[in-house]
Amino acid sequence: MKAIKLLILSAIVISLYSCDKKVENLLDIKFDTPSQSFQLTVDTTSLAGTKTLAPDTLDLIDLDSLAKKNGTSISKLKSVKVKSLTISIIEPTDVNFDNIDSCSVEVENPGKSNKVKLASIKNLAKGVTSVNLTPVDVNILDYAKEQQLILTAKISTNAGVSKKTKLKVTIVGEAIANPTN
């Protein structure tokens, strides 16, 4: 009899805890980050292989101001994730992604060794000049709070690159805050 009472009490506690988390999530405030764009340059080469590219400049989002604009504060943020990431060829206009096998974009904090993949794509369609990478479901809140970030793109080619090519990378994120945090 004691075992049954204990089992019932345990079930009640577990269900109340579960309901509490669901109610807490109902209070979440979701908002998109402004789109950020940066440029990458793929230099000419006669060799196929993997190339790592980094932008010349990168403007960071003022996450504190963005949170305030959306009725919350940076301390209440639960997560920031990549919602979409697009890479487009800017110039020259007569090239496409035909010699690209795969591409990924990563972020890291200066001085720290861990890189986090933000998005990737494999098996690009032929003839395209813009691709939407598949975002990775990873919380990058700690990275988004930093004053300095290093973003890199890794591109694997199946042939050499005959023309210097400028790419535009556009990222949109989604932030989630909760006033009960």
N, C-alpha and C. Protein backbone atom coordinates (compact mmCIF):
# COMPACT_ATOMS: atom_id res chain seq x y z
N MET A 1 0.82 -1.19 0.00
CA MET A 1 0.00 0.00 0.00
C MET A 1 0.87 1.26 0.00
N LYS A 2 1.94 1.25 0.81
CA LYS A 2 2.85 2.39 0.85
C LYS A 2 3.48 2.61 -0.52
N ALA A 3 3.80 1.52 -1.20
CA ALA A 3 4.43 1.62 -2.52
C ALA A 3 3.48 2.28 -3.52
N ILE A 4 2.19 1.97 -3.44
CA ILE A 4 1.21 2.56 -4.35
C ILE A 4 1.07 4.05 -4.07
N LYS A 5 1.02 4.44 -2.80
CA LYS A 5 0.91 5.86 -2.43
C LYS A 5 2.14 6.63 -2.92
N LEU A 6 3.31 6.03 -2.75
CA LEU A 6 4.56 6.66 -3.19
C LEU A 6 4.57 6.81 -4.71
N LEU A 7 4.09 5.80 -5.40
CA LEU A 7 4.04 5.84 -6.86
C LEU A 7 3.08 6.95 -7.33
N ILE A 8 1.92 7.05 -6.71
CA ILE A 8 0.95 8.09 -7.07
C ILE A 8 1.52 9.47 -6.78
N LEU A 9 2.14 9.65 -5.62
CA LEU A 9 2.74 10.93 -5.27
C LEU A 9 3.84 11.32 -6.26
N SER A 10 4.65 10.34 -6.65
CA SER A 10 5.71 10.60 -7.64
C SER A 10 5.12 11.02 -8.97
N ALA A 11 4.05 10.37 -9.40
CA ALA A 11 3.40 10.71 -10.67
C ALA A 11 2.85 12.12 -10.63
N ILE A 12 2.26 12.51 -9.49
CA ILE A 12 1.71 13.87 -9.36
C ILE A 12 2.82 14.90 -9.43
N VAL A 13 3.93 14.67 -8.73
CA VAL A 13 5.05 15.61 -8.73
C VAL A 13 5.64 15.76 -10.13
N ILE A 14 5.80 14.65 -10.82
CA ILE A 14 6.37 14.68 -12.18
C ILE A 14 5.44 15.43 -13.13
N SER A 15 4.13 15.18 -13.03
CA SER A 15 3.20 15.87 -13.94
C SER A 15 3.12 17.36 -13.64
N LEU A 16 3.19 17.75 -12.38
CA LEU A 16 3.19 19.18 -12.04
C LEU A 16 4.45 19.86 -12.56
N TYR A 17 5.60 19.20 -12.44
CA TYR A 17 6.84 19.76 -12.95
C TYR A 17 6.76 19.92 -14.45
N SER A 18 6.23 18.91 -15.14
CA SER A 18 6.10 18.95 -16.59
C SER A 18 5.17 20.08 -17.01
N CYS A 19 4.06 20.26 -16.34
CA CYS A 19 3.12 21.33 -16.65
C CYS A 19 3.75 22.69 -16.40
N ASP A 20 4.54 22.80 -15.34
CA ASP A 20 5.21 24.06 -15.02
C ASP A 20 6.14 24.48 -16.16
N LYS A 21 6.88 23.52 -16.72
CA LYS A 21 7.78 23.83 -17.84
C LYS A 21 6.99 24.25 -19.08
N LYS A 22 5.84 23.59 -19.34
CA LYS A 22 5.02 23.95 -20.50
C LYS A 22 4.46 25.36 -20.34
N VAL A 23 4.00 25.70 -19.14
CA VAL A 23 3.48 27.04 -18.89
C VAL A 23 4.59 28.07 -19.05
N GLU A 24 5.78 27.75 -18.54
CA GLU A 24 6.91 28.66 -18.67
C GLU A 24 7.23 28.93 -20.14
N ASN A 25 7.18 27.89 -20.97
CA ASN A 25 7.47 28.05 -22.39
C ASN A 25 6.41 28.88 -23.11
N LEU A 26 5.17 28.89 -22.59
CA LEU A 26 4.12 29.71 -23.18
C LEU A 26 4.44 31.20 -23.07
N LEU A 27 5.26 31.56 -22.10
CA LEU A 27 5.63 32.95 -21.89
C LEU A 27 6.82 33.39 -22.74
N ASP A 28 7.38 32.48 -23.53
CA ASP A 28 8.53 32.81 -24.37
C ASP A 28 8.22 33.97 -25.32
N ILE A 29 9.20 34.82 -25.49
CA ILE A 29 9.13 35.91 -26.47
C ILE A 29 10.11 35.56 -27.58
N LYS A 30 9.60 35.35 -28.80
CA LYS A 30 10.45 35.00 -29.94
C LYS A 30 10.54 36.20 -30.87
N PHE A 31 11.75 36.46 -31.35
CA PHE A 31 11.93 37.53 -32.33
C PHE A 31 13.14 37.23 -33.19
N ASP A 32 13.05 37.70 -34.44
CA ASP A 32 14.16 37.51 -35.39
C ASP A 32 15.22 38.57 -35.17
N THR A 33 16.45 38.18 -35.41
CA THR A 33 17.54 39.16 -35.42
C THR A 33 17.53 39.82 -36.80
N PRO A 34 18.02 41.04 -36.90
CA PRO A 34 18.10 41.64 -38.24
C PRO A 34 19.05 40.82 -39.11
N SER A 35 18.78 40.78 -40.41
CA SER A 35 19.69 40.04 -41.29
C SER A 35 21.05 40.72 -41.28
N GLN A 36 22.07 39.89 -41.26
CA GLN A 36 23.45 40.37 -41.32
C GLN A 36 24.08 39.80 -42.57
N SER A 37 24.81 40.63 -43.27
CA SER A 37 25.49 40.17 -44.48
C SER A 37 26.96 40.52 -44.40
N PHE A 38 27.75 39.65 -44.98
CA PHE A 38 29.17 39.92 -45.13
C PHE A 38 29.64 39.28 -46.42
N GLN A 39 30.79 39.73 -46.89
CA GLN A 39 31.32 39.23 -48.16
C GLN A 39 32.53 38.34 -47.94
N LEU A 40 32.66 37.36 -48.82
CA LEU A 40 33.81 36.47 -48.87
C LEU A 40 34.37 36.51 -50.29
N THR A 41 35.66 36.28 -50.40
CA THR A 41 36.30 36.24 -51.72
C THR A 41 36.95 34.88 -51.92
N VAL A 42 36.62 34.23 -53.03
CA VAL A 42 37.25 32.97 -53.41
C VAL A 42 38.29 33.31 -54.47
N ASP A 43 39.56 33.14 -54.13
CA ASP A 43 40.63 33.43 -55.07
C ASP A 43 40.77 32.32 -56.10
N THR A 44 41.38 32.65 -57.23
CA THR A 44 41.59 31.65 -58.28
C THR A 44 42.61 30.61 -57.82
N THR A 45 42.39 29.40 -58.27
CA THR A 45 43.32 28.31 -58.01
C THR A 45 43.08 27.22 -59.05
N SER A 46 44.13 26.50 -59.36
CA SER A 46 43.98 25.40 -60.32
C SER A 46 43.65 24.08 -59.62
N LEU A 47 43.67 24.09 -58.29
CA LEU A 47 43.47 22.86 -57.53
C LEU A 47 42.07 22.76 -56.93
N ALA A 48 41.52 21.55 -56.95
CA ALA A 48 40.28 21.28 -56.23
C ALA A 48 40.64 21.03 -54.77
N GLY A 49 39.65 21.15 -53.89
CA GLY A 49 39.91 20.87 -52.49
C GLY A 49 39.07 21.75 -51.58
N THR A 50 39.45 21.78 -50.31
CA THR A 50 38.70 22.57 -49.33
C THR A 50 39.39 23.90 -49.10
N LYS A 51 38.59 24.94 -49.17
CA LYS A 51 39.10 26.30 -48.96
C LYS A 51 38.36 26.89 -47.75
N THR A 52 39.11 27.55 -46.87
CA THR A 52 38.52 28.23 -45.72
C THR A 52 38.57 29.71 -45.98
N LEU A 53 37.40 30.35 -45.90
CA LEU A 53 37.27 31.77 -46.21
C LEU A 53 36.79 32.52 -44.98
N ALA A 54 37.28 33.73 -44.80
CA ALA A 54 36.84 34.58 -43.70
C ALA A 54 36.52 35.96 -44.25
N PRO A 55 35.50 36.62 -43.69
CA PRO A 55 35.15 37.96 -44.17
C PRO A 55 36.19 39.00 -43.77
N ASP A 56 36.29 40.05 -44.57
CA ASP A 56 37.19 41.15 -44.23
C ASP A 56 36.68 41.91 -43.01
N THR A 57 35.38 42.17 -42.98
CA THR A 57 34.77 42.88 -41.85
C THR A 57 33.48 42.19 -41.47
N LEU A 58 33.10 42.34 -40.22
CA LEU A 58 31.88 41.72 -39.73
C LEU A 58 31.26 42.64 -38.68
N ASP A 59 30.07 43.14 -38.97
CA ASP A 59 29.35 43.97 -38.01
C ASP A 59 28.50 43.06 -37.13
N LEU A 60 28.65 43.21 -35.82
CA LEU A 60 27.91 42.37 -34.89
C LEU A 60 26.61 43.04 -34.47
N ILE A 61 25.65 42.23 -34.10
CA ILE A 61 24.36 42.72 -33.62
C ILE A 61 24.53 43.18 -32.18
N ASP A 62 23.92 44.31 -31.84
CA ASP A 62 23.86 44.77 -30.46
C ASP A 62 22.69 44.02 -29.81
N LEU A 63 23.00 42.86 -29.23
CA LEU A 63 21.98 41.98 -28.70
C LEU A 63 21.20 42.63 -27.56
N ASP A 64 21.85 43.44 -26.76
CA ASP A 64 21.18 44.11 -25.64
C ASP A 64 20.11 45.07 -26.16
N SER A 65 20.45 45.90 -27.16
CA SER A 65 19.48 46.83 -27.74
C SER A 65 18.34 46.08 -28.44
N LEU A 66 18.67 45.00 -29.12
CA LEU A 66 17.66 44.20 -29.82
C LEU A 66 16.68 43.60 -28.82
N ALA A 67 17.19 43.08 -27.71
CA ALA A 67 16.31 42.51 -26.68
C ALA A 67 15.38 43.59 -26.12
N LYS A 68 15.94 44.77 -25.81
CA LYS A 68 15.12 45.87 -25.26
C LYS A 68 14.05 46.30 -26.26
N LYS A 69 14.41 46.34 -27.54
CA LYS A 69 13.47 46.72 -28.59
C LYS A 69 12.29 45.75 -28.65
N ASN A 70 12.53 44.50 -28.23
CA ASN A 70 11.50 43.47 -28.27
C ASN A 70 10.87 43.21 -26.89
N GLY A 71 11.04 44.17 -25.98
CA GLY A 71 10.37 44.10 -24.70
C GLY A 71 10.97 43.16 -23.68
N THR A 72 12.25 42.90 -23.79
CA THR A 72 12.91 42.01 -22.83
C THR A 72 14.31 42.54 -22.57
N SER A 73 15.14 41.75 -21.93
CA SER A 73 16.52 42.15 -21.68
C SER A 73 17.46 41.01 -22.03
N ILE A 74 18.71 41.33 -22.17
CA ILE A 74 19.70 40.32 -22.55
C ILE A 74 19.80 39.21 -21.49
N SER A 75 19.55 39.57 -20.23
CA SER A 75 19.63 38.57 -19.16
C SER A 75 18.47 37.56 -19.23
N LYS A 76 17.42 37.88 -19.94
CA LYS A 76 16.25 36.99 -20.05
C LYS A 76 16.32 36.10 -21.29
N LEU A 77 17.35 36.28 -22.12
CA LEU A 77 17.47 35.45 -23.33
C LEU A 77 17.78 34.00 -22.97
N LYS A 78 17.06 33.08 -23.63
CA LYS A 78 17.29 31.64 -23.44
C LYS A 78 18.14 31.07 -24.57
N SER A 79 17.92 31.61 -25.78
CA SER A 79 18.66 31.05 -26.91
C SER A 79 18.70 32.01 -28.08
N VAL A 80 19.71 31.83 -28.92
CA VAL A 80 19.81 32.47 -30.22
C VAL A 80 20.24 31.37 -31.18
N LYS A 81 19.49 31.21 -32.26
CA LYS A 81 19.80 30.17 -33.25
C LYS A 81 19.75 30.77 -34.64
N VAL A 82 20.45 30.15 -35.57
CA VAL A 82 20.40 30.58 -36.97
C VAL A 82 19.08 30.09 -37.55
N LYS A 83 18.33 31.02 -38.14
CA LYS A 83 17.06 30.70 -38.76
C LYS A 83 17.24 30.43 -40.25
N SER A 84 18.09 31.24 -40.89
CA SER A 84 18.38 31.03 -42.31
C SER A 84 19.79 31.55 -42.62
N LEU A 85 20.42 30.92 -43.58
CA LEU A 85 21.75 31.33 -44.03
C LEU A 85 21.82 31.10 -45.53
N THR A 86 22.07 32.16 -46.27
CA THR A 86 22.11 32.11 -47.73
C THR A 86 23.46 32.59 -48.22
N ILE A 87 24.00 31.91 -49.22
CA ILE A 87 25.23 32.35 -49.88
C ILE A 87 24.90 32.59 -51.34
N SER A 88 25.25 33.79 -51.81
CA SER A 88 24.98 34.18 -53.21
C SER A 88 26.26 34.68 -53.86
N ILE A 89 26.37 34.42 -55.16
CA ILE A 89 27.50 34.94 -55.92
C ILE A 89 27.18 36.38 -56.32
N ILE A 90 28.07 37.31 -55.98
CA ILE A 90 27.90 38.71 -56.33
C ILE A 90 28.55 38.99 -57.69
N GLU A 91 29.79 38.54 -57.82
CA GLU A 91 30.52 38.74 -59.08
C GLU A 91 31.64 37.72 -59.21
N PRO A 92 31.98 37.37 -60.39
CA PRO A 92 31.43 37.79 -61.67
C PRO A 92 30.04 37.17 -61.87
N THR A 93 29.27 37.77 -62.75
CA THR A 93 27.89 37.35 -62.96
C THR A 93 27.77 36.11 -63.86
N ASP A 94 28.88 35.69 -64.46
CA ASP A 94 28.80 34.54 -65.37
C ASP A 94 29.31 33.24 -64.73
N VAL A 95 29.37 33.17 -63.40
CA VAL A 95 29.78 31.93 -62.72
C VAL A 95 28.63 31.43 -61.84
N ASN A 96 28.70 30.15 -61.50
CA ASN A 96 27.70 29.56 -60.61
C ASN A 96 28.39 28.59 -59.65
N PHE A 97 27.63 27.85 -58.90
CA PHE A 97 28.18 26.94 -57.90
C PHE A 97 28.44 25.52 -58.42
N ASP A 98 28.58 25.35 -59.73
CA ASP A 98 28.74 24.01 -60.31
C ASP A 98 29.96 23.25 -59.78
N ASN A 99 31.03 23.95 -59.45
CA ASN A 99 32.22 23.21 -58.99
C ASN A 99 32.31 23.14 -57.46
N ILE A 100 31.20 23.44 -56.77
CA ILE A 100 31.17 23.34 -55.32
C ILE A 100 30.44 22.06 -54.92
N ASP A 101 31.11 21.22 -54.14
CA ASP A 101 30.48 19.98 -53.65
C ASP A 101 29.73 20.20 -52.34
N SER A 102 30.30 21.02 -51.46
CA SER A 102 29.67 21.27 -50.17
C SER A 102 30.18 22.58 -49.60
N CYS A 103 29.43 23.08 -48.63
CA CYS A 103 29.80 24.33 -47.99
C CYS A 103 29.25 24.33 -46.57
N SER A 104 30.00 24.91 -45.64
CA SER A 104 29.51 25.07 -44.27
C SER A 104 30.02 26.41 -43.74
N VAL A 105 29.30 26.94 -42.75
CA VAL A 105 29.70 28.18 -42.10
C VAL A 105 29.80 27.91 -40.60
N GLU A 106 30.91 28.37 -40.01
CA GLU A 106 31.17 28.14 -38.59
C GLU A 106 31.42 29.47 -37.88
N VAL A 107 31.27 29.46 -36.55
CA VAL A 107 31.55 30.63 -35.73
C VAL A 107 32.44 30.20 -34.57
N GLU A 108 33.30 31.12 -34.15
CA GLU A 108 34.12 30.87 -32.96
C GLU A 108 34.40 32.20 -32.27
N ASN A 109 34.71 32.11 -31.00
CA ASN A 109 35.13 33.28 -30.23
C ASN A 109 36.64 33.37 -30.30
N PRO A 110 37.19 34.56 -30.50
CA PRO A 110 38.65 34.69 -30.51
C PRO A 110 39.23 34.23 -29.17
N GLY A 111 40.32 33.50 -29.26
CA GLY A 111 40.98 33.03 -28.05
C GLY A 111 40.44 31.73 -27.50
N LYS A 112 39.36 31.23 -28.07
CA LYS A 112 38.79 29.95 -27.63
C LYS A 112 38.91 28.96 -28.78
N SER A 113 39.08 27.71 -28.45
CA SER A 113 39.37 26.73 -29.50
C SER A 113 38.14 26.10 -30.14
N ASN A 114 36.96 26.23 -29.53
CA ASN A 114 35.82 25.51 -30.07
C ASN A 114 35.10 26.31 -31.16
N LYS A 115 34.92 25.65 -32.30
CA LYS A 115 34.13 26.21 -33.40
C LYS A 115 32.78 25.52 -33.39
N VAL A 116 31.76 26.26 -33.79
CA VAL A 116 30.42 25.70 -33.86
C VAL A 116 29.90 25.88 -35.28
N LYS A 117 29.44 24.78 -35.86
CA LYS A 117 28.87 24.85 -37.21
C LYS A 117 27.49 25.48 -37.13
N LEU A 118 27.25 26.49 -37.98
CA LEU A 118 25.98 27.18 -38.01
C LEU A 118 25.03 26.61 -39.06
N ALA A 119 25.58 26.25 -40.22
CA ALA A 119 24.76 25.74 -41.31
C ALA A 119 25.65 25.06 -42.34
N SER A 120 25.04 24.20 -43.15
CA SER A 120 25.82 23.51 -44.18
C SER A 120 24.90 23.08 -45.32
N ILE A 121 25.55 22.70 -46.42
CA ILE A 121 24.82 22.16 -47.58
C ILE A 121 25.76 21.23 -48.33
N LYS A 122 25.18 20.16 -48.87
CA LYS A 122 25.91 19.23 -49.74
C LYS A 122 25.07 19.04 -51.00
N ASN A 123 25.72 18.58 -52.05
CA ASN A 123 25.02 18.27 -53.30
C ASN A 123 24.22 19.46 -53.83
N LEU A 124 24.93 20.52 -54.14
CA LEU A 124 24.30 21.72 -54.67
C LEU A 124 23.75 21.47 -56.07
N ALA A 125 22.62 22.08 -56.37
CA ALA A 125 22.02 21.95 -57.69
C ALA A 125 22.91 22.63 -58.73
N LYS A 126 22.92 22.14 -59.91
CA LYS A 126 23.73 22.70 -60.99
C LYS A 126 23.12 24.01 -61.51
N GLY A 127 23.98 24.94 -61.85
CA GLY A 127 23.56 26.18 -62.47
C GLY A 127 23.07 27.26 -61.51
N VAL A 128 23.09 27.00 -60.20
CA VAL A 128 22.56 27.99 -59.26
C VAL A 128 23.63 29.01 -58.85
N THR A 129 23.17 30.21 -58.55
CA THR A 129 24.08 31.27 -58.11
C THR A 129 23.77 31.71 -56.67
N SER A 130 22.79 31.06 -56.05
CA SER A 130 22.44 31.34 -54.66
C SER A 130 21.97 30.04 -54.02
N VAL A 131 22.42 29.78 -52.80
CA VAL A 131 22.03 28.55 -52.10
C VAL A 131 21.62 28.87 -50.66
N ASN A 132 20.63 28.14 -50.19
CA ASN A 132 20.19 28.23 -48.80
C ASN A 132 20.80 27.05 -48.05
N LEU A 133 21.63 27.34 -47.08
CA LEU A 133 22.23 26.30 -46.28
C LEU A 133 21.24 25.84 -45.22
N THR A 134 21.39 24.60 -44.76
CA THR A 134 20.53 24.06 -43.71
C THR A 134 21.10 24.44 -42.35
N PRO A 135 20.35 25.24 -41.57
CA PRO A 135 20.85 25.63 -40.25
C PRO A 135 20.97 24.43 -39.31
N VAL A 136 21.99 24.46 -38.46
CA VAL A 136 22.18 23.45 -37.43
C VAL A 136 21.40 23.91 -36.21
N ASP A 137 20.73 23.01 -35.54
CA ASP A 137 19.95 23.36 -34.34
C ASP A 137 20.89 23.46 -33.14
N VAL A 138 21.55 24.60 -33.03
CA VAL A 138 22.51 24.82 -31.95
C VAL A 138 22.30 26.22 -31.36
N ASN A 139 22.32 26.30 -30.04
CA ASN A 139 22.15 27.57 -29.34
C ASN A 139 23.48 28.31 -29.35
N ILE A 140 23.51 29.49 -29.99
CA ILE A 140 24.74 30.27 -30.07
C ILE A 140 24.65 31.55 -29.23
N LEU A 141 23.83 31.51 -28.19
CA LEU A 141 23.66 32.68 -27.33
C LEU A 141 24.98 33.20 -26.79
N ASP A 142 25.83 32.30 -26.29
CA ASP A 142 27.11 32.73 -25.75
C ASP A 142 27.97 33.43 -26.80
N TYR A 143 27.89 32.98 -28.04
CA TYR A 143 28.64 33.61 -29.13
C TYR A 143 28.03 34.96 -29.48
N ALA A 144 26.69 35.03 -29.51
CA ALA A 144 25.99 36.26 -29.90
C ALA A 144 26.23 37.39 -28.89
N LYS A 145 26.55 37.04 -27.65
CA LYS A 145 26.82 38.06 -26.62
C LYS A 145 28.22 38.65 -26.74
N GLU A 146 29.10 38.02 -27.49
CA GLU A 146 30.49 38.46 -27.58
C GLU A 146 30.63 39.74 -28.40
N GLN A 147 31.67 40.48 -28.11
CA GLN A 147 31.98 41.71 -28.84
C GLN A 147 32.76 41.43 -30.12
N GLN A 148 33.36 40.24 -30.19
CA GLN A 148 34.16 39.87 -31.36
C GLN A 148 33.89 38.42 -31.70
N LEU A 149 33.69 38.14 -32.98
CA LEU A 149 33.47 36.79 -33.46
C LEU A 149 34.31 36.54 -34.70
N ILE A 150 34.59 35.28 -34.94
CA ILE A 150 35.25 34.88 -36.18
C ILE A 150 34.28 33.95 -36.91
N LEU A 151 33.84 34.37 -38.07
CA LEU A 151 33.00 33.54 -38.92
C LEU A 151 33.84 33.05 -40.08
N THR A 152 33.73 31.78 -40.39
CA THR A 152 34.45 31.23 -41.53
C THR A 152 33.51 30.34 -42.35
N ALA A 153 33.79 30.28 -43.62
CA ALA A 153 33.08 29.37 -44.51
C ALA A 153 34.09 28.37 -45.06
N LYS A 154 33.70 27.12 -45.08
CA LYS A 154 34.52 26.07 -45.69
C LYS A 154 33.81 25.59 -46.94
N ILE A 155 34.53 25.69 -48.05
CA ILE A 155 33.97 25.31 -49.34
C ILE A 155 34.82 24.20 -49.93
N SER A 156 34.17 23.11 -50.30
CA SER A 156 34.87 21.99 -50.96
C SER A 156 34.54 22.02 -52.43
N THR A 157 35.59 22.10 -53.25
CA THR A 157 35.40 22.18 -54.69
C THR A 157 35.80 20.87 -55.36
N ASN A 158 35.21 20.61 -56.52
CA ASN A 158 35.55 19.42 -57.31
C ASN A 158 36.41 19.79 -58.51
N ALA A 159 36.77 21.07 -58.60
CA ALA A 159 37.62 21.57 -59.69
C ALA A 159 38.26 22.87 -59.22
N GLY A 160 39.19 23.36 -60.01
CA GLY A 160 39.81 24.63 -59.69
C GLY A 160 38.83 25.79 -59.85
N VAL A 161 39.23 26.95 -59.37
CA VAL A 161 38.41 28.16 -59.50
C VAL A 161 39.10 29.06 -60.52
N SER A 162 38.45 29.27 -61.67
CA SER A 162 39.11 30.00 -62.76
C SER A 162 38.96 31.52 -62.65
N LYS A 163 37.98 32.00 -61.89
CA LYS A 163 37.78 33.44 -61.74
C LYS A 163 37.64 33.78 -60.26
N LYS A 164 38.27 34.88 -59.88
CA LYS A 164 38.10 35.38 -58.51
C LYS A 164 36.62 35.67 -58.32
N THR A 165 36.03 35.13 -57.25
CA THR A 165 34.59 35.20 -57.06
C THR A 165 34.25 35.83 -55.72
N LYS A 166 33.34 36.81 -55.75
CA LYS A 166 32.87 37.44 -54.50
C LYS A 166 31.52 36.84 -54.13
N LEU A 167 31.42 36.45 -52.86
CA LEU A 167 30.19 35.86 -52.34
C LEU A 167 29.58 36.76 -51.27
N LYS A 168 28.27 36.73 -51.18
CA LYS A 168 27.56 37.43 -50.11
C LYS A 168 26.90 36.38 -49.23
N VAL A 169 27.18 36.44 -47.93
CA VAL A 169 26.57 35.54 -46.97
C VAL A 169 25.58 36.35 -46.14
N THR A 170 24.34 35.88 -46.07
CA THR A 170 23.30 36.57 -45.32
C THR A 170 22.75 35.61 -44.26
N ILE A 171 22.75 36.09 -43.01
CA ILE A 171 22.30 35.26 -41.87
C ILE A 171 21.15 35.97 -41.16
N VAL A 172 20.11 35.21 -40.85
CA VAL A 172 19.02 35.69 -39.99
C VAL A 172 18.92 34.72 -38.82
N GLY A 173 18.84 35.25 -37.63
CA GLY A 173 18.72 34.42 -36.44
C GLY A 173 17.37 34.58 -35.78
N GLU A 174 17.11 33.69 -34.83
CA GLU A 174 15.90 33.79 -34.01
C GLU A 174 16.33 33.75 -32.56
N ALA A 175 15.83 34.70 -31.78
CA ALA A 175 16.13 34.77 -30.35
C ALA A 175 14.88 34.42 -29.58
N ILE A 176 15.09 33.76 -28.44
CA ILE A 176 13.98 33.44 -27.54
C ILE A 176 14.34 33.93 -26.15
N ALA A 177 13.44 34.73 -25.58
CA ALA A 177 13.62 35.23 -24.21
C ALA A 177 12.43 34.77 -23.39
N ASN A 178 12.61 34.73 -22.08
CA ASN A 178 11.52 34.37 -21.19
C ASN A 178 11.57 35.25 -19.96
N PRO A 179 10.49 35.98 -19.68
CA PRO A 179 10.50 36.90 -18.55
C PRO A 179 10.62 36.22 -17.19
N THR A 180 10.40 34.90 -17.15
CA THR A 180 10.50 34.20 -15.86
C THR A 180 11.91 33.72 -15.57
N ASN A 181 12.82 33.86 -16.52
CA ASN A 181 14.21 33.40 -16.31
C ASN A 181 14.90 34.28 -15.29
